[in-house]
Amino acid sequence: MSAPFYAALGTICAAIITSVFVFINLINSKEQKTSEFRQDWINALRQSISEFTAVTTTFASMLSYIDSFDSEDEKVRRESEFYKENLDIANDITKHYNIIQLYVNPVENRSFLSALSKVYALVTSRRVISSEKITEANKDLVTEAQSLLKSEWKRVKRGEITYRVTKWGVLALFAFLTYTLFSNLDILALLFTQKQS
């Protein structure tokens, strides 16, 4: 096989390798951005859950204090004052509840959303709920949140599905092209020499 043949073969190989690497870099940069967005989503969801559990626990503790009074008239008076004075807390509870629901896929995360709804229903029931019940419901919510966040973190570490498919697909394609190219060198050399003559 002549030197021009090897030069042409080298050029073809270089072009194929360059194309493969350009394609891989394109996929990697897009998928890396998606993973960054997913990480930001995880952080924002974690923050919203912690704010929701904090505000619901505070709210329940304040309501439990009202329930500690003996007189029913005093309880009713204080509860009425409490809701007027703490409208911001009630609004925060609803705001965080809605934000968390918007962050989460309702099909994939039913048990998490069920635990979230349980806490919300307890706090917004307009009945005095013991802070122990709210604390217990919040513990269940945190357990479900940890499971959800762990699975999402694993997804970030593995990479997006497009990235994984592309990675293995490109490796398989590269192996196939390399095998095909080098197993047919004699045919390529023959074609090249015929073209030269």
C-alpha atoms as a PDB file:
ATOM      1  CA  MET A   1       0.000   0.000   0.000  1.00  0.00           C
ATOM      2  CA  SER A   2       1.359   3.385  -0.988  1.00  0.00           C
ATOM      3  CA  ALA A   3       2.070   6.436   1.108  1.00  0.00           C
ATOM      4  CA  PRO A   4      -0.737   8.474  -0.534  1.00  0.00           C
ATOM      5  CA  PHE A   5      -3.169   5.739   0.484  1.00  0.00           C
ATOM      6  CA  TYR A   6      -2.136   6.037   4.125  1.00  0.00           C
ATOM      7  CA  ALA A   7      -2.341   9.836   3.913  1.00  0.00           C
ATOM      8  CA  ALA A   8      -5.889   9.613   2.536  1.00  0.00           C
ATOM      9  CA  LEU A   9      -6.811   7.015   5.142  1.00  0.00           C
ATOM     10  CA  GLY A  10      -5.432   9.249   7.891  1.00  0.00           C
ATOM     11  CA  THR A  11      -7.467  12.188   6.602  1.00  0.00           C
ATOM     12  CA  ILE A  12     -10.654  10.097   6.555  1.00  0.00           C
ATOM     13  CA  CYS A  13      -9.996   8.805  10.078  1.00  0.00           C
ATOM     14  CA  ALA A  14      -9.263  12.315  11.354  1.00  0.00           C
ATOM     15  CA  ALA A  15     -12.496  13.626   9.828  1.00  0.00           C
ATOM     16  CA  ILE A  16     -14.524  10.813  11.372  1.00  0.00           C
ATOM     17  CA  ILE A  17     -12.912  11.265  14.800  1.00  0.00           C
ATOM     18  CA  THR A  18     -13.369  15.051  14.685  1.00  0.00           C
ATOM     19  CA  SER A  19     -17.034  14.681  13.730  1.00  0.00           C
ATOM     20  CA  VAL A  20     -17.614  12.212  16.545  1.00  0.00           C
ATOM     21  CA  PHE A  21     -15.965  14.480  19.123  1.00  0.00           C
ATOM     22  CA  VAL A  22     -17.887  17.565  17.927  1.00  0.00           C
ATOM     23  CA  PHE A  23     -21.133  15.620  18.247  1.00  0.00           C
ATOM     24  CA  ILE A  24     -20.198  14.298  21.701  1.00  0.00           C
ATOM     25  CA  ASN A  25     -19.291  17.800  22.901  1.00  0.00           C
ATOM     26  CA  LEU A  26     -22.590  19.165  21.621  1.00  0.00           C
ATOM     27  CA  ILE A  27     -24.579  16.485  23.463  1.00  0.00           C
ATOM     28  CA  ASN A  28     -22.434  16.818  26.603  1.00  0.00           C
ATOM     29  CA  SER A  29     -22.846  20.583  26.866  1.00  0.00           C
ATOM     30  CA  LYS A  30     -26.628  20.356  26.451  1.00  0.00           C
ATOM     31  CA  GLU A  31     -26.970  17.510  28.925  1.00  0.00           C
ATOM     32  CA  GLN A  32     -24.627  19.189  31.404  1.00  0.00           C
ATOM     33  CA  LYS A  33     -26.880  22.259  31.314  1.00  0.00           C
ATOM     34  CA  THR A  34     -29.912  20.029  31.925  1.00  0.00           C
ATOM     35  CA  SER A  35     -28.143  18.435  34.901  1.00  0.00           C
ATOM     36  CA  GLU A  36     -27.321  21.898  36.277  1.00  0.00           C
ATOM     37  CA  PHE A  37     -30.992  22.883  35.991  1.00  0.00           C
ATOM     38  CA  ARG A  38     -31.972  19.639  37.727  1.00  0.00           C
ATOM     39  CA  GLN A  39     -29.504  20.392  40.563  1.00  0.00           C
ATOM     40  CA  ASP A  40     -30.960  23.894  40.925  1.00  0.00           C
ATOM     41  CA  TRP A  41     -34.432  22.319  41.005  1.00  0.00           C
ATOM     42  CA  ILE A  42     -33.335  19.914  43.769  1.00  0.00           C
ATOM     43  CA  ASN A  43     -31.945  22.812  45.830  1.00  0.00           C
ATOM     44  CA  ALA A  44     -35.067  24.937  45.336  1.00  0.00           C
ATOM     45  CA  LEU A  45     -37.373  22.042  46.242  1.00  0.00           C
ATOM     46  CA  ARG A  46     -35.316  21.261  49.357  1.00  0.00           C
ATOM     47  CA  GLN A  47     -35.550  24.930  50.389  1.00  0.00           C
ATOM     48  CA  SER A  48     -39.320  25.067  49.834  1.00  0.00           C
ATOM     49  CA  ILE A  49     -39.895  21.867  51.824  1.00  0.00           C
ATOM     50  CA  SER A  50     -37.818  23.119  54.755  1.00  0.00           C
ATOM     51  CA  GLU A  51     -39.697  26.450  54.751  1.00  0.00           C
ATOM     52  CA  PHE A  52     -43.049  24.653  54.553  1.00  0.00           C
ATOM     53  CA  THR A  53     -42.251  22.333  57.478  1.00  0.00           C
ATOM     54  CA  ALA A  54     -40.879  25.223  59.545  1.00  0.00           C
ATOM     55  CA  VAL A  55     -43.901  27.454  59.038  1.00  0.00           C
ATOM     56  CA  THR A  56     -46.434  24.644  59.583  1.00  0.00           C
ATOM     57  CA  THR A  57     -44.715  23.603  62.823  1.00  0.00           C
ATOM     58  CA  THR A  58     -44.716  27.199  64.070  1.00  0.00           C
ATOM     59  CA  PHE A  59     -48.356  27.626  63.099  1.00  0.00           C
ATOM     60  CA  ALA A  60     -49.389  24.428  64.888  1.00  0.00           C
ATOM     61  CA  SER A  61     -47.461  25.381  68.032  1.00  0.00           C
ATOM     62  CA  MET A  62     -49.218  28.735  68.158  1.00  0.00           C
ATOM     63  CA  LEU A  63     -52.621  27.071  67.747  1.00  0.00           C
ATOM     64  CA  SER A  64     -51.765  24.555  70.480  1.00  0.00           C
ATOM     65  CA  TYR A  65     -51.062  27.458  72.812  1.00  0.00           C
ATOM     66  CA  ILE A  66     -54.584  28.776  72.171  1.00  0.00           C
ATOM     67  CA  ASP A  67     -56.006  25.337  72.958  1.00  0.00           C
ATOM     68  CA  SER A  68     -54.325  25.409  76.371  1.00  0.00           C
ATOM     69  CA  PHE A  69     -56.865  27.912  77.746  1.00  0.00           C
ATOM     70  CA  ASP A  70     -59.674  26.471  79.838  1.00  0.00           C
ATOM     71  CA  SER A  71     -62.460  28.809  78.845  1.00  0.00           C
ATOM     72  CA  GLU A  72     -64.131  28.055  75.490  1.00  0.00           C
ATOM     73  CA  ASP A  73     -64.951  31.742  75.022  1.00  0.00           C
ATOM     74  CA  GLU A  74     -61.284  32.610  75.555  1.00  0.00           C
ATOM     75  CA  LYS A  75     -60.228  29.980  73.009  1.00  0.00           C
ATOM     76  CA  VAL A  76     -62.652  31.328  70.392  1.00  0.00           C
ATOM     77  CA  ARG A  77     -61.567  34.927  71.025  1.00  0.00           C
ATOM     78  CA  ARG A  78     -57.862  34.091  70.842  1.00  0.00           C
ATOM     79  CA  GLU A  79     -58.294  31.904  67.758  1.00  0.00           C
ATOM     80  CA  SER A  80     -60.111  34.721  65.959  1.00  0.00           C
ATOM     81  CA  GLU A  81     -57.349  37.162  66.924  1.00  0.00           C
ATOM     82  CA  PHE A  82     -54.702  34.637  65.956  1.00  0.00           C
ATOM     83  CA  TYR A  83     -55.996  34.246  62.404  1.00  0.00           C
ATOM     84  CA  LYS A  84     -56.281  38.018  61.972  1.00  0.00           C
ATOM     85  CA  GLU A  85     -52.777  38.634  63.321  1.00  0.00           C
ATOM     86  CA  ASN A  86     -51.134  35.720  61.488  1.00  0.00           C
ATOM     87  CA  LEU A  87     -52.682  35.941  58.066  1.00  0.00           C
ATOM     88  CA  ASP A  88     -49.150  36.166  56.610  1.00  0.00           C
ATOM     89  CA  ILE A  89     -48.228  32.783  58.120  1.00  0.00           C
ATOM     90  CA  ALA A  90     -51.366  31.172  56.690  1.00  0.00           C
ATOM     91  CA  ASN A  91     -50.569  32.693  53.287  1.00  0.00           C
ATOM     92  CA  ASP A  92     -46.971  31.430  53.519  1.00  0.00           C
ATOM     93  CA  ILE A  93     -48.208  27.911  54.212  1.00  0.00           C
ATOM     94  CA  THR A  94     -50.431  27.975  51.119  1.00  0.00           C
ATOM     95  CA  LYS A  95     -47.709  29.595  49.004  1.00  0.00           C
ATOM     96  CA  HIS A  96     -45.092  26.964  49.931  1.00  0.00           C
ATOM     97  CA  TYR A  97     -47.625  24.168  49.498  1.00  0.00           C
ATOM     98  CA  ASN A  98     -48.447  25.348  45.979  1.00  0.00           C
ATOM     99  CA  ILE A  99     -44.788  25.902  45.040  1.00  0.00           C
ATOM    100  CA  ILE A 100     -43.850  22.395  46.147  1.00  0.00           C
ATOM    101  CA  GLN A 101     -46.747  20.911  44.167  1.00  0.00           C
ATOM    102  CA  LEU A 102     -45.574  22.751  41.051  1.00  0.00           C
ATOM    103  CA  TYR A 103     -42.040  21.388  41.464  1.00  0.00           C
ATOM    104  CA  VAL A 104     -43.092  17.743  41.663  1.00  0.00           C
ATOM    105  CA  ASN A 105     -44.388  15.329  39.039  1.00  0.00           C
ATOM    106  CA  PRO A 106     -47.775  14.082  40.330  1.00  0.00           C
ATOM    107  CA  VAL A 107     -47.480  10.699  38.594  1.00  0.00           C
ATOM    108  CA  GLU A 108     -43.957   9.789  39.762  1.00  0.00           C
ATOM    109  CA  ASN A 109     -44.249  11.180  43.305  1.00  0.00           C
ATOM    110  CA  ARG A 110     -47.691  10.245  44.637  1.00  0.00           C
ATOM    111  CA  SER A 111     -46.524   9.200  48.109  1.00  0.00           C
ATOM    112  CA  PHE A 112     -44.576  12.444  48.574  1.00  0.00           C
ATOM    113  CA  LEU A 113     -47.556  14.550  47.485  1.00  0.00           C
ATOM    114  CA  SER A 114     -49.831  12.532  49.758  1.00  0.00           C
ATOM    115  CA  ALA A 115     -47.594  13.300  52.751  1.00  0.00           C
ATOM    116  CA  LEU A 116     -47.499  16.985  51.730  1.00  0.00           C
ATOM    117  CA  SER A 117     -51.296  17.143  51.432  1.00  0.00           C
ATOM    118  CA  LYS A 118     -51.707  15.487  54.824  1.00  0.00           C
ATOM    119  CA  VAL A 119     -49.668  18.229  56.530  1.00  0.00           C
ATOM    120  CA  TYR A 120     -51.508  20.941  54.623  1.00  0.00           C
ATOM    121  CA  ALA A 121     -54.924  19.474  55.492  1.00  0.00           C
ATOM    122  CA  LEU A 122     -54.027  19.258  59.182  1.00  0.00           C
ATOM    123  CA  VAL A 123     -52.811  22.845  59.372  1.00  0.00           C
ATOM    124  CA  THR A 124     -55.649  24.381  57.354  1.00  0.00           C
ATOM    125  CA  SER A 125     -58.470  22.388  58.956  1.00  0.00           C
ATOM    126  CA  ARG A 126     -59.536  25.349  61.143  1.00  0.00           C
ATOM    127  CA  ARG A 127     -59.457  22.990  64.096  1.00  0.00           C
ATOM    128  CA  VAL A 128     -56.782  23.131  66.720  1.00  0.00           C
ATOM    129  CA  ILE A 129     -54.419  20.283  65.936  1.00  0.00           C
ATOM    130  CA  SER A 130     -51.793  19.199  68.420  1.00  0.00           C
ATOM    131  CA  SER A 131     -48.275  20.214  67.468  1.00  0.00           C
ATOM    132  CA  GLU A 132     -47.291  16.549  67.961  1.00  0.00           C
ATOM    133  CA  LYS A 133     -49.581  15.519  65.078  1.00  0.00           C
ATOM    134  CA  ILE A 134     -48.113  18.199  62.825  1.00  0.00           C
ATOM    135  CA  THR A 135     -44.566  17.242  63.856  1.00  0.00           C
ATOM    136  CA  GLU A 136     -45.292  13.591  63.064  1.00  0.00           C
ATOM    137  CA  ALA A 137     -46.852  14.460  59.697  1.00  0.00           C
ATOM    138  CA  ASN A 138     -43.866  16.700  58.900  1.00  0.00           C
ATOM    139  CA  LYS A 139     -41.492  13.828  59.761  1.00  0.00           C
ATOM    140  CA  ASP A 140     -43.328  11.625  57.253  1.00  0.00           C
ATOM    141  CA  LEU A 141     -43.101  14.418  54.697  1.00  0.00           C
ATOM    142  CA  VAL A 142     -39.352  14.820  55.271  1.00  0.00           C
ATOM    143  CA  THR A 143     -38.843  11.050  54.902  1.00  0.00           C
ATOM    144  CA  GLU A 144     -40.704  11.090  51.581  1.00  0.00           C
ATOM    145  CA  ALA A 145     -38.769  14.196  50.496  1.00  0.00           C
ATOM    146  CA  GLN A 146     -35.445  12.523  51.271  1.00  0.00           C
ATOM    147  CA  SER A 147     -36.418   9.565  49.090  1.00  0.00           C
ATOM    148  CA  LEU A 148     -37.498  11.832  46.235  1.00  0.00           C
ATOM    149  CA  LEU A 149     -34.368  14.020  46.456  1.00  0.00           C
ATOM    150  CA  LYS A 150     -32.102  10.973  46.640  1.00  0.00           C
ATOM    151  CA  SER A 151     -33.560   9.493  43.444  1.00  0.00           C
ATOM    152  CA  GLU A 152     -33.219  12.852  41.676  1.00  0.00           C
ATOM    153  CA  TRP A 153     -29.623  13.196  42.863  1.00  0.00           C
ATOM    154  CA  LYS A 154     -28.871   9.729  41.464  1.00  0.00           C
ATOM    155  CA  ARG A 155     -30.320  10.884  38.147  1.00  0.00           C
ATOM    156  CA  VAL A 156     -28.011  13.914  38.173  1.00  0.00           C
ATOM    157  CA  LYS A 157     -24.981  11.717  38.895  1.00  0.00           C
ATOM    158  CA  ARG A 158     -25.865   9.221  36.128  1.00  0.00           C
ATOM    159  CA  GLY A 159     -26.585  11.967  33.619  1.00  0.00           C
ATOM    160  CA  GLU A 160     -29.628  12.541  31.509  1.00  0.00           C
ATOM    161  CA  ILE A 161     -30.928   9.635  29.424  1.00  0.00           C
ATOM    162  CA  THR A 162     -29.986  11.356  26.160  1.00  0.00           C
ATOM    163  CA  TYR A 163     -26.422  11.692  27.390  1.00  0.00           C
ATOM    164  CA  ARG A 164     -26.212   8.013  28.378  1.00  0.00           C
ATOM    165  CA  VAL A 165     -27.734   6.777  25.123  1.00  0.00           C
ATOM    166  CA  THR A 166     -25.479   9.062  23.087  1.00  0.00           C
ATOM    167  CA  LYS A 167     -22.383   8.048  25.010  1.00  0.00           C
ATOM    168  CA  TRP A 168     -22.902   4.327  24.442  1.00  0.00           C
ATOM    169  CA  GLY A 169     -24.219   4.833  20.921  1.00  0.00           C
ATOM    170  CA  VAL A 170     -21.205   6.876  19.865  1.00  0.00           C
ATOM    171  CA  LEU A 171     -18.824   4.362  21.424  1.00  0.00           C
ATOM    172  CA  ALA A 172     -20.552   1.529  19.553  1.00  0.00           C
ATOM    173  CA  LEU A 173     -20.522   3.498  16.305  1.00  0.00           C
ATOM    174  CA  PHE A 174     -16.864   4.407  16.732  1.00  0.00           C
ATOM    175  CA  ALA A 175     -15.974   0.757  17.404  1.00  0.00           C
ATOM    176  CA  PHE A 176     -17.980  -0.371  14.376  1.00  0.00           C
ATOM    177  CA  LEU A 177     -16.407   2.219  12.063  1.00  0.00           C
ATOM    178  CA  THR A 178     -12.928   1.417  13.307  1.00  0.00           C
ATOM    179  CA  TYR A 179     -13.470  -2.307  12.833  1.00  0.00           C
ATOM    180  CA  THR A 180     -15.016  -1.813   9.386  1.00  0.00           C
ATOM    181  CA  LEU A 181     -12.259   0.518   8.277  1.00  0.00           C
ATOM    182  CA  PHE A 182      -9.363  -1.647   9.383  1.00  0.00           C
ATOM    183  CA  SER A 183     -10.918  -4.947   8.330  1.00  0.00           C
ATOM    184  CA  ASN A 184     -11.334  -3.627   4.792  1.00  0.00           C
ATOM    185  CA  LEU A 185      -7.958  -1.967   4.277  1.00  0.00           C
ATOM    186  CA  ASP A 186      -7.129  -4.177   1.314  1.00  0.00           C
ATOM    187  CA  ILE A 187     -10.368  -3.175  -0.491  1.00  0.00           C
ATOM    188  CA  LEU A 188      -9.752   0.497   0.262  1.00  0.00           C
ATOM    189  CA  ALA A 189      -6.167   0.192  -0.989  1.00  0.00           C
ATOM    190  CA  LEU A 190      -7.343  -1.482  -4.168  1.00  0.00           C
ATOM    191  CA  LEU A 191      -9.939   1.226  -4.799  1.00  0.00           C
ATOM    192  CA  PHE A 192      -7.388   3.918  -4.101  1.00  0.00           C
ATOM    193  CA  THR A 193      -4.746   2.435  -6.444  1.00  0.00           C
ATOM    194  CA  GLN A 194      -7.345   1.993  -9.199  1.00  0.00           C
ATOM    195  CA  LYS A 195      -8.268   5.632  -8.859  1.00  0.00           C
ATOM    196  CA  GLN A 196      -4.591   6.625  -9.016  1.00  0.00           C
ATOM    197  CA  SER A 197      -3.971   4.708 -12.235  1.00  0.00           C
END
